[in-house]
Amino acid sequence: MKRSSKRIVHILTFITLFATLATFAPHTKAYEYWDRKVSQFDSLPVYPEDIVFLGNSITDGGHFNELFEMPNIRNRGISSDVINGVAKRLKQVTKGHPGKIFLLIGINDVSQNVTVPNLLKRYESLVDSIIAQTPETKLYLQSVMPVNHSFKRYKTLYGKDKVITEFNKGIKEIAEKKGITYIDLWPFLADGEGRLKKEYTNDGLHLSGAGYKAWTKGIEKYVRE
């Protein structure tokens, strides 16, 4: 093989390797974080008097026990988690039979192009598992929050506003069918155009301090009832 041909092969090999790493690195990091958090939760028990916030990065980032000034609140959010991820680690929460669970999950599933029927199938299966494993726990289903594309982040969510709306409609129907409290978070967080308020975020998806205050103020009556 000529030297120039060998060089082309080496370049193509490097490009292929780089593309592969670029594809898998974020997933690997997300899984490593998920695994670390799950292993930590294994050693942190949940008790019947506890209130558990369960979900993904939006939940993960909230210091709810301080925001509500209630030491019995447990945060069981994990960044990048999806509906099936919560299902896999669910027994860490349900075996303690907490007094309340506030569930917020699904936006990462939406970003992965999961269809609305499949979103709802996964979601309802998770809800059924919670009810079966800890029927005495009061469960609150929170709507997926609005997003704001003006920050030009999270391109996997571009064009998914209708999916989010239909998903939330389905979550509400699941709640009504099973006699569970549904909490629509949009009145607390959305602007007049149905986007996450700019003052509540710095990337269009995750909440700032003001965003967490608006969220917790909106659901406070459910937490304290």
C-alpha atoms as a PDB file:
ATOM      1  CA  MET A   1       0.000   0.000   0.000  1.00  0.00           C
ATOM      2  CA  LYS A   2       1.323   3.457  -0.890  1.00  0.00           C
ATOM      3  CA  ARG A   3       2.212   5.895   1.890  1.00  0.00           C
ATOM      4  CA  SER A   4      -0.575   8.303   0.862  1.00  0.00           C
ATOM      5  CA  SER A   5      -3.137   5.487   0.933  1.00  0.00           C
ATOM      6  CA  LYS A   6      -1.965   4.389   4.388  1.00  0.00           C
ATOM      7  CA  ARG A   7      -2.305   7.957   5.610  1.00  0.00           C
ATOM      8  CA  ILE A   8      -5.886   8.159   4.309  1.00  0.00           C
ATOM      9  CA  VAL A   9      -6.724   4.894   6.074  1.00  0.00           C
ATOM     10  CA  HIS A  10      -5.242   6.211   9.332  1.00  0.00           C
ATOM     11  CA  ILE A  11      -7.205   9.442   9.035  1.00  0.00           C
ATOM     12  CA  LEU A  12     -10.444   7.593   8.332  1.00  0.00           C
ATOM     13  CA  THR A  13      -9.791   5.270  11.272  1.00  0.00           C
ATOM     14  CA  PHE A  14      -9.232   8.240  13.574  1.00  0.00           C
ATOM     15  CA  ILE A  15     -12.412   9.951  12.363  1.00  0.00           C
ATOM     16  CA  THR A  16     -14.416   6.779  12.954  1.00  0.00           C
ATOM     17  CA  LEU A  17     -12.977   6.351  16.450  1.00  0.00           C
ATOM     18  CA  PHE A  18     -13.655   9.987  17.329  1.00  0.00           C
ATOM     19  CA  ALA A  19     -17.245   9.755  16.102  1.00  0.00           C
ATOM     20  CA  THR A  20     -17.766   6.604  18.154  1.00  0.00           C
ATOM     21  CA  LEU A  21     -16.443   8.231  21.316  1.00  0.00           C
ATOM     22  CA  ALA A  22     -18.515  11.333  20.706  1.00  0.00           C
ATOM     23  CA  THR A  23     -21.612   9.182  20.396  1.00  0.00           C
ATOM     24  CA  PHE A  24     -21.128   7.040  23.471  1.00  0.00           C
ATOM     25  CA  ALA A  25     -19.322   9.361  25.890  1.00  0.00           C
ATOM     26  CA  PRO A  26     -22.403  11.360  27.005  1.00  0.00           C
ATOM     27  CA  HIS A  27     -24.405   8.162  27.511  1.00  0.00           C
ATOM     28  CA  THR A  28     -21.554   6.596  29.461  1.00  0.00           C
ATOM     29  CA  LYS A  29     -21.226   9.643  31.707  1.00  0.00           C
ATOM     30  CA  ALA A  30     -24.965   9.712  32.299  1.00  0.00           C
ATOM     31  CA  TYR A  31     -24.990   6.033  33.190  1.00  0.00           C
ATOM     32  CA  GLU A  32     -21.983   6.420  35.499  1.00  0.00           C
ATOM     33  CA  TYR A  33     -23.753   9.259  37.321  1.00  0.00           C
ATOM     34  CA  TRP A  34     -26.992   7.230  37.500  1.00  0.00           C
ATOM     35  CA  ASP A  35     -25.081   4.245  38.894  1.00  0.00           C
ATOM     36  CA  ARG A  36     -23.309   6.366  41.527  1.00  0.00           C
ATOM     37  CA  LYS A  37     -26.562   7.917  42.697  1.00  0.00           C
ATOM     38  CA  VAL A  38     -28.381   4.572  42.819  1.00  0.00           C
ATOM     39  CA  SER A  39     -25.564   3.040  44.869  1.00  0.00           C
ATOM     40  CA  GLN A  40     -25.787   6.004  47.254  1.00  0.00           C
ATOM     41  CA  PHE A  41     -29.560   5.678  47.589  1.00  0.00           C
ATOM     42  CA  ASP A  42     -29.055   2.018  48.524  1.00  0.00           C
ATOM     43  CA  SER A  43     -27.619   3.179  51.837  1.00  0.00           C
ATOM     44  CA  LEU A  44     -30.160   5.956  52.448  1.00  0.00           C
ATOM     45  CA  PRO A  45     -33.405   4.505  53.827  1.00  0.00           C
ATOM     46  CA  VAL A  46     -36.860   5.971  53.293  1.00  0.00           C
ATOM     47  CA  TYR A  47     -39.335   5.977  56.185  1.00  0.00           C
ATOM     48  CA  PRO A  48     -43.144   6.057  56.376  1.00  0.00           C
ATOM     49  CA  GLU A  49     -43.166   9.669  57.544  1.00  0.00           C
ATOM     50  CA  ASP A  50     -41.059  10.808  54.571  1.00  0.00           C
ATOM     51  CA  ILE A  51     -42.036  12.787  51.485  1.00  0.00           C
ATOM     52  CA  VAL A  52     -40.095  11.687  48.406  1.00  0.00           C
ATOM     53  CA  PHE A  53     -39.429  13.740  45.282  1.00  0.00           C
ATOM     54  CA  LEU A  54     -38.747  11.256  42.485  1.00  0.00           C
ATOM     55  CA  GLY A  55     -37.525  12.103  38.999  1.00  0.00           C
ATOM     56  CA  ASN A  56     -34.677  13.302  36.788  1.00  0.00           C
ATOM     57  CA  SER A  57     -32.255  16.243  36.789  1.00  0.00           C
ATOM     58  CA  ILE A  58     -34.949  18.827  37.495  1.00  0.00           C
ATOM     59  CA  THR A  59     -35.758  17.030  40.719  1.00  0.00           C
ATOM     60  CA  ASP A  60     -32.103  16.183  41.341  1.00  0.00           C
ATOM     61  CA  GLY A  61     -31.231  19.883  41.504  1.00  0.00           C
ATOM     62  CA  GLY A  62     -33.773  20.832  44.157  1.00  0.00           C
ATOM     63  CA  HIS A  63     -32.962  21.234  47.853  1.00  0.00           C
ATOM     64  CA  PHE A  64     -36.553  20.555  48.824  1.00  0.00           C
ATOM     65  CA  ASN A  65     -36.030  19.929  52.511  1.00  0.00           C
ATOM     66  CA  GLU A  66     -34.576  23.424  52.772  1.00  0.00           C
ATOM     67  CA  LEU A  67     -37.024  25.049  50.367  1.00  0.00           C
ATOM     68  CA  PHE A  68     -39.959  23.716  52.386  1.00  0.00           C
ATOM     69  CA  GLU A  69     -38.056  23.727  55.704  1.00  0.00           C
ATOM     70  CA  MET A  70     -39.107  20.110  56.215  1.00  0.00           C
ATOM     71  CA  PRO A  71     -36.350  17.658  57.194  1.00  0.00           C
ATOM     72  CA  ASN A  72     -38.450  14.611  56.271  1.00  0.00           C
ATOM     73  CA  ILE A  73     -38.291  15.351  52.522  1.00  0.00           C
ATOM     74  CA  ARG A  74     -36.055  12.991  50.533  1.00  0.00           C
ATOM     75  CA  ASN A  75     -34.707  13.839  47.085  1.00  0.00           C
ATOM     76  CA  ARG A  76     -34.525  10.812  44.806  1.00  0.00           C
ATOM     77  CA  GLY A  77     -33.931  12.586  41.523  1.00  0.00           C
ATOM     78  CA  ILE A  78     -31.161  11.502  39.154  1.00  0.00           C
ATOM     79  CA  SER A  79     -29.929  13.620  36.274  1.00  0.00           C
ATOM     80  CA  SER A  80     -30.695  12.200  32.796  1.00  0.00           C
ATOM     81  CA  ASP A  81     -33.080   9.588  34.198  1.00  0.00           C
ATOM     82  CA  VAL A  82     -35.988   8.250  32.171  1.00  0.00           C
ATOM     83  CA  ILE A  83     -39.246   6.510  33.060  1.00  0.00           C
ATOM     84  CA  ASN A  84     -37.754   3.023  32.855  1.00  0.00           C
ATOM     85  CA  GLY A  85     -34.743   4.155  34.878  1.00  0.00           C
ATOM     86  CA  VAL A  86     -37.000   5.218  37.727  1.00  0.00           C
ATOM     87  CA  ALA A  87     -38.813   1.883  37.446  1.00  0.00           C
ATOM     88  CA  LYS A  88     -35.532  -0.006  37.855  1.00  0.00           C
ATOM     89  CA  ARG A  89     -34.681   1.762  41.115  1.00  0.00           C
ATOM     90  CA  LEU A  90     -38.211   2.160  42.404  1.00  0.00           C
ATOM     91  CA  LYS A  91     -37.971  -0.330  45.266  1.00  0.00           C
ATOM     92  CA  GLN A  92     -35.346   1.844  46.945  1.00  0.00           C
ATOM     93  CA  VAL A  93     -38.238   4.222  47.603  1.00  0.00           C
ATOM     94  CA  THR A  94     -41.278   1.982  47.867  1.00  0.00           C
ATOM     95  CA  LYS A  95     -39.808  -0.479  50.366  1.00  0.00           C
ATOM     96  CA  GLY A  96     -39.850   2.354  52.912  1.00  0.00           C
ATOM     97  CA  HIS A  97     -43.554   3.045  52.246  1.00  0.00           C
ATOM     98  CA  PRO A  98     -43.215   6.843  52.385  1.00  0.00           C
ATOM     99  CA  GLY A  99     -46.170   9.050  53.196  1.00  0.00           C
ATOM    100  CA  LYS A 100     -46.040  10.836  49.830  1.00  0.00           C
ATOM    101  CA  ILE A 101     -44.287  10.583  46.470  1.00  0.00           C
ATOM    102  CA  PHE A 102     -44.096  13.518  44.058  1.00  0.00           C
ATOM    103  CA  LEU A 103     -43.307  12.086  40.627  1.00  0.00           C
ATOM    104  CA  LEU A 104     -41.844  14.206  37.813  1.00  0.00           C
ATOM    105  CA  ILE A 105     -40.453  12.197  34.911  1.00  0.00           C
ATOM    106  CA  GLY A 106     -40.595  11.921  31.129  1.00  0.00           C
ATOM    107  CA  ILE A 107     -38.853  14.873  29.472  1.00  0.00           C
ATOM    108  CA  ASN A 108     -35.761  12.792  28.675  1.00  0.00           C
ATOM    109  CA  ASP A 109     -37.983  10.117  27.120  1.00  0.00           C
ATOM    110  CA  VAL A 110     -39.528  12.854  24.964  1.00  0.00           C
ATOM    111  CA  SER A 111     -36.056  13.945  23.839  1.00  0.00           C
ATOM    112  CA  GLN A 112     -35.367  10.362  22.690  1.00  0.00           C
ATOM    113  CA  ASN A 113     -38.268  10.521  20.193  1.00  0.00           C
ATOM    114  CA  VAL A 114     -40.509   8.140  22.139  1.00  0.00           C
ATOM    115  CA  THR A 115     -44.060   8.373  20.790  1.00  0.00           C
ATOM    116  CA  VAL A 116     -46.885   9.591  23.000  1.00  0.00           C
ATOM    117  CA  PRO A 117     -48.575   6.147  23.193  1.00  0.00           C
ATOM    118  CA  ASN A 118     -45.285   4.565  24.288  1.00  0.00           C
ATOM    119  CA  LEU A 119     -44.609   7.400  26.728  1.00  0.00           C
ATOM    120  CA  LEU A 120     -47.954   6.796  28.358  1.00  0.00           C
ATOM    121  CA  LYS A 121     -47.515   3.026  28.344  1.00  0.00           C
ATOM    122  CA  ARG A 122     -44.203   3.371  30.213  1.00  0.00           C
ATOM    123  CA  TYR A 123     -45.608   5.998  32.538  1.00  0.00           C
ATOM    124  CA  GLU A 124     -48.719   4.054  33.467  1.00  0.00           C
ATOM    125  CA  SER A 125     -46.647   0.936  34.089  1.00  0.00           C
ATOM    126  CA  LEU A 126     -44.476   2.935  36.505  1.00  0.00           C
ATOM    127  CA  VAL A 127     -47.534   4.333  38.276  1.00  0.00           C
ATOM    128  CA  ASP A 128     -49.028   0.851  38.585  1.00  0.00           C
ATOM    129  CA  SER A 129     -45.778  -0.390  40.121  1.00  0.00           C
ATOM    130  CA  ILE A 130     -45.776   2.391  42.702  1.00  0.00           C
ATOM    131  CA  ILE A 131     -49.378   1.655  43.654  1.00  0.00           C
ATOM    132  CA  ALA A 132     -48.733  -2.090  43.863  1.00  0.00           C
ATOM    133  CA  GLN A 133     -45.542  -1.762  45.913  1.00  0.00           C
ATOM    134  CA  THR A 134     -46.740   0.873  48.354  1.00  0.00           C
ATOM    135  CA  PRO A 135     -50.528   1.278  48.172  1.00  0.00           C
ATOM    136  CA  GLU A 136     -50.666   3.339  51.354  1.00  0.00           C
ATOM    137  CA  THR A 137     -48.429   6.073  49.865  1.00  0.00           C
ATOM    138  CA  LYS A 138     -50.171   9.178  48.536  1.00  0.00           C
ATOM    139  CA  LEU A 139     -48.940   9.669  44.977  1.00  0.00           C
ATOM    140  CA  TYR A 140     -48.846  12.994  43.137  1.00  0.00           C
ATOM    141  CA  LEU A 141     -48.303  13.040  39.369  1.00  0.00           C
ATOM    142  CA  GLN A 142     -46.707  16.289  38.237  1.00  0.00           C
ATOM    143  CA  SER A 143     -46.936  17.424  34.634  1.00  0.00           C
ATOM    144  CA  VAL A 144     -43.800  17.622  32.535  1.00  0.00           C
ATOM    145  CA  MET A 145     -42.625  21.217  32.772  1.00  0.00           C
ATOM    146  CA  PRO A 146     -42.600  23.685  29.872  1.00  0.00           C
ATOM    147  CA  VAL A 147     -39.345  24.333  28.021  1.00  0.00           C
ATOM    148  CA  ASN A 148     -37.972  27.473  26.366  1.00  0.00           C
ATOM    149  CA  HIS A 149     -36.217  27.068  23.028  1.00  0.00           C
ATOM    150  CA  SER A 150     -35.010  30.680  22.874  1.00  0.00           C
ATOM    151  CA  PHE A 151     -31.859  29.563  24.720  1.00  0.00           C
ATOM    152  CA  LYS A 152     -31.052  27.367  21.684  1.00  0.00           C
ATOM    153  CA  ARG A 153     -30.124  24.394  23.835  1.00  0.00           C
ATOM    154  CA  TYR A 154     -31.406  20.813  23.915  1.00  0.00           C
ATOM    155  CA  LYS A 155     -32.051  20.509  20.197  1.00  0.00           C
ATOM    156  CA  THR A 156     -33.481  17.019  20.753  1.00  0.00           C
ATOM    157  CA  LEU A 157     -36.523  18.802  22.218  1.00  0.00           C
ATOM    158  CA  TYR A 158     -37.058  21.098  19.226  1.00  0.00           C
ATOM    159  CA  GLY A 159     -40.487  20.565  17.729  1.00  0.00           C
ATOM    160  CA  LYS A 160     -41.642  18.474  20.688  1.00  0.00           C
ATOM    161  CA  ASP A 161     -44.016  20.999  22.281  1.00  0.00           C
ATOM    162  CA  LYS A 162     -47.083  19.167  20.975  1.00  0.00           C
ATOM    163  CA  VAL A 163     -45.678  15.858  22.249  1.00  0.00           C
ATOM    164  CA  ILE A 164     -45.216  17.366  25.714  1.00  0.00           C
ATOM    165  CA  THR A 165     -48.768  18.757  25.664  1.00  0.00           C
ATOM    166  CA  GLU A 166     -50.264  15.419  24.613  1.00  0.00           C
ATOM    167  CA  PHE A 167     -48.110  13.555  27.129  1.00  0.00           C
ATOM    168  CA  ASN A 168     -49.325  15.801  29.946  1.00  0.00           C
ATOM    169  CA  LYS A 169     -52.912  15.314  28.821  1.00  0.00           C
ATOM    170  CA  GLY A 170     -52.363  11.555  29.060  1.00  0.00           C
ATOM    171  CA  ILE A 171     -50.750  11.831  32.514  1.00  0.00           C
ATOM    172  CA  LYS A 172     -53.811  13.728  33.720  1.00  0.00           C
ATOM    173  CA  GLU A 173     -56.080  11.014  32.330  1.00  0.00           C
ATOM    174  CA  ILE A 174     -54.021   8.321  34.084  1.00  0.00           C
ATOM    175  CA  ALA A 175     -54.347  10.241  37.349  1.00  0.00           C
ATOM    176  CA  GLU A 176     -58.103  10.594  36.954  1.00  0.00           C
ATOM    177  CA  LYS A 177     -58.511   6.917  36.065  1.00  0.00           C
ATOM    178  CA  LYS A 178     -56.594   5.777  39.137  1.00  0.00           C
ATOM    179  CA  GLY A 179     -57.853   8.376  41.590  1.00  0.00           C
ATOM    180  CA  ILE A 180     -54.453  10.053  41.936  1.00  0.00           C
ATOM    181  CA  THR A 181     -53.750  13.761  42.341  1.00  0.00           C
ATOM    182  CA  TYR A 182     -52.491  15.416  39.148  1.00  0.00           C
ATOM    183  CA  ILE A 183     -50.577  18.692  39.480  1.00  0.00           C
ATOM    184  CA  ASP A 184     -50.332  20.923  36.417  1.00  0.00           C
ATOM    185  CA  LEU A 185     -47.075  22.840  36.854  1.00  0.00           C
ATOM    186  CA  TRP A 186     -47.559  25.137  33.860  1.00  0.00           C
ATOM    187  CA  PRO A 187     -49.574  27.837  35.674  1.00  0.00           C
ATOM    188  CA  PHE A 188     -46.616  28.294  38.026  1.00  0.00           C
ATOM    189  CA  LEU A 189     -43.805  28.204  35.451  1.00  0.00           C
ATOM    190  CA  ALA A 190     -45.002  29.103  31.935  1.00  0.00           C
ATOM    191  CA  ASP A 191     -45.169  32.518  30.306  1.00  0.00           C
ATOM    192  CA  GLY A 192     -48.068  33.746  28.181  1.00  0.00           C
ATOM    193  CA  GLU A 193     -46.816  31.764  25.179  1.00  0.00           C
ATOM    194  CA  GLY A 194     -46.508  28.478  27.051  1.00  0.00           C
ATOM    195  CA  ARG A 195     -42.732  28.613  27.431  1.00  0.00           C
ATOM    196  CA  LEU A 196     -40.720  28.213  30.609  1.00  0.00           C
ATOM    197  CA  LYS A 197     -40.262  31.760  31.913  1.00  0.00           C
ATOM    198  CA  LYS A 198     -36.806  33.146  31.142  1.00  0.00           C
ATOM    199  CA  GLU A 199     -36.367  34.298  34.710  1.00  0.00           C
ATOM    200  CA  TYR A 200     -36.812  30.718  35.905  1.00  0.00           C
ATOM    201  CA  THR A 201     -34.035  29.119  33.859  1.00  0.00           C
ATOM    202  CA  ASN A 202     -30.604  29.708  32.361  1.00  0.00           C
ATOM    203  CA  ASP A 203     -30.731  27.027  29.677  1.00  0.00           C
ATOM    204  CA  GLY A 204     -34.405  26.653  28.742  1.00  0.00           C
ATOM    205  CA  LEU A 205     -34.956  23.378  30.597  1.00  0.00           C
ATOM    206  CA  HIS A 206     -33.479  23.331  34.090  1.00  0.00           C
ATOM    207  CA  LEU A 207     -34.632  25.625  36.857  1.00  0.00           C
ATOM    208  CA  SER A 208     -32.807  28.516  38.477  1.00  0.00           C
ATOM    209  CA  GLY A 209     -33.276  29.425  42.113  1.00  0.00           C
ATOM    210  CA  ALA A 210     -36.283  31.551  41.172  1.00  0.00           C
ATOM    211  CA  GLY A 211     -37.695  28.611  39.226  1.00  0.00           C
ATOM    212  CA  TYR A 212     -37.418  26.263  42.188  1.00  0.00           C
ATOM    213  CA  LYS A 213     -39.105  28.838  44.399  1.00  0.00           C
ATOM    214  CA  ALA A 214     -41.982  29.171  41.919  1.00  0.00           C
ATOM    215  CA  TRP A 215     -42.335  25.383  41.654  1.00  0.00           C
ATOM    216  CA  THR A 216     -42.274  24.755  45.386  1.00  0.00           C
ATOM    217  CA  LYS A 217     -44.657  27.628  46.083  1.00  0.00           C
ATOM    218  CA  GLY A 218     -47.073  26.179  43.526  1.00  0.00           C
ATOM    219  CA  ILE A 219     -47.143  22.704  45.071  1.00  0.00           C
ATOM    220  CA  GLU A 220     -46.745  23.716  48.708  1.00  0.00           C
ATOM    221  CA  LYS A 221     -50.352  22.996  49.627  1.00  0.00           C
ATOM    222  CA  TYR A 222     -49.964  19.396  48.417  1.00  0.00           C
ATOM    223  CA  VAL A 223     -46.721  18.922  50.333  1.00  0.00           C
ATOM    224  CA  ARG A 224     -48.180  20.203  53.582  1.00  0.00           C
ATOM    225  CA  GLU A 225     -51.714  18.776  53.386  1.00  0.00           C
END
